[in-house]
């Protein structure tokens, strides 16, 4: 049985177990890493890219191997001090799952994490992403706190970077009344700020990513600033 398991195990795991080895950094790359200010963190959207063999990892590994075991090796790169976690867009993670990521990287490393689509998509999706109806929990601050913000902050601790609310393209809803949606965004972030401040987490980083150009403008900027100011005047 042991021989049969070894035969059908992925080649990378058969040779190296669960270890992914970082690539050896050149003196120039090490020097560049030392020159970067402590508050400047470069990173990528994921650590699971097989094409990084010889650059970030000592050789090519299969994507599933990197997804499961590559984070620690990625975090050894002299310049890469941050990385994105986007699997959370498709389903929430528990605080313990976030902590498992945090435990693999050094102090000073940061994670950018995407909020679940259950909060940021205006539509419910069926097969192949087709909209099948309105999402009644869209921009629900309580759902965002319970399913995403608190677990991420609890699990990642000081290694939590921006918590990104990526809004899917909203199309007709945006074109019909963009100012109403901007106001809804203001209320959403103001509610999150109030809750986080009450919990002693006023330094949490919240961000929004938009896909509708109709939303970009002074009204959006004023709404986001207003969310912060409203929170400040009520604390």
Foldseek 3Di string as FASTA:
>chain_A
DVVVCLVPDPPVCNVPNLAWAFADDDPVQLVVLVPDDLPDADAEAAQQDQVCCNPGTVGGDHSVSCRVRVLLSNQPRSRHQEYEDEVQQAPFDALQVLLVSLVSHDPSHAYEYEHHCLAAEQFDADPPRDGDGGRPNHLPLVCRVPRPDVSNCNNNPPRYDEYEREHDDPPPVCVVPVLVVLLSVLVSLLVNCLVCVVVVNNVHHYYYHYDDPSNDDDSNVVSNVVSVVVSVVVD
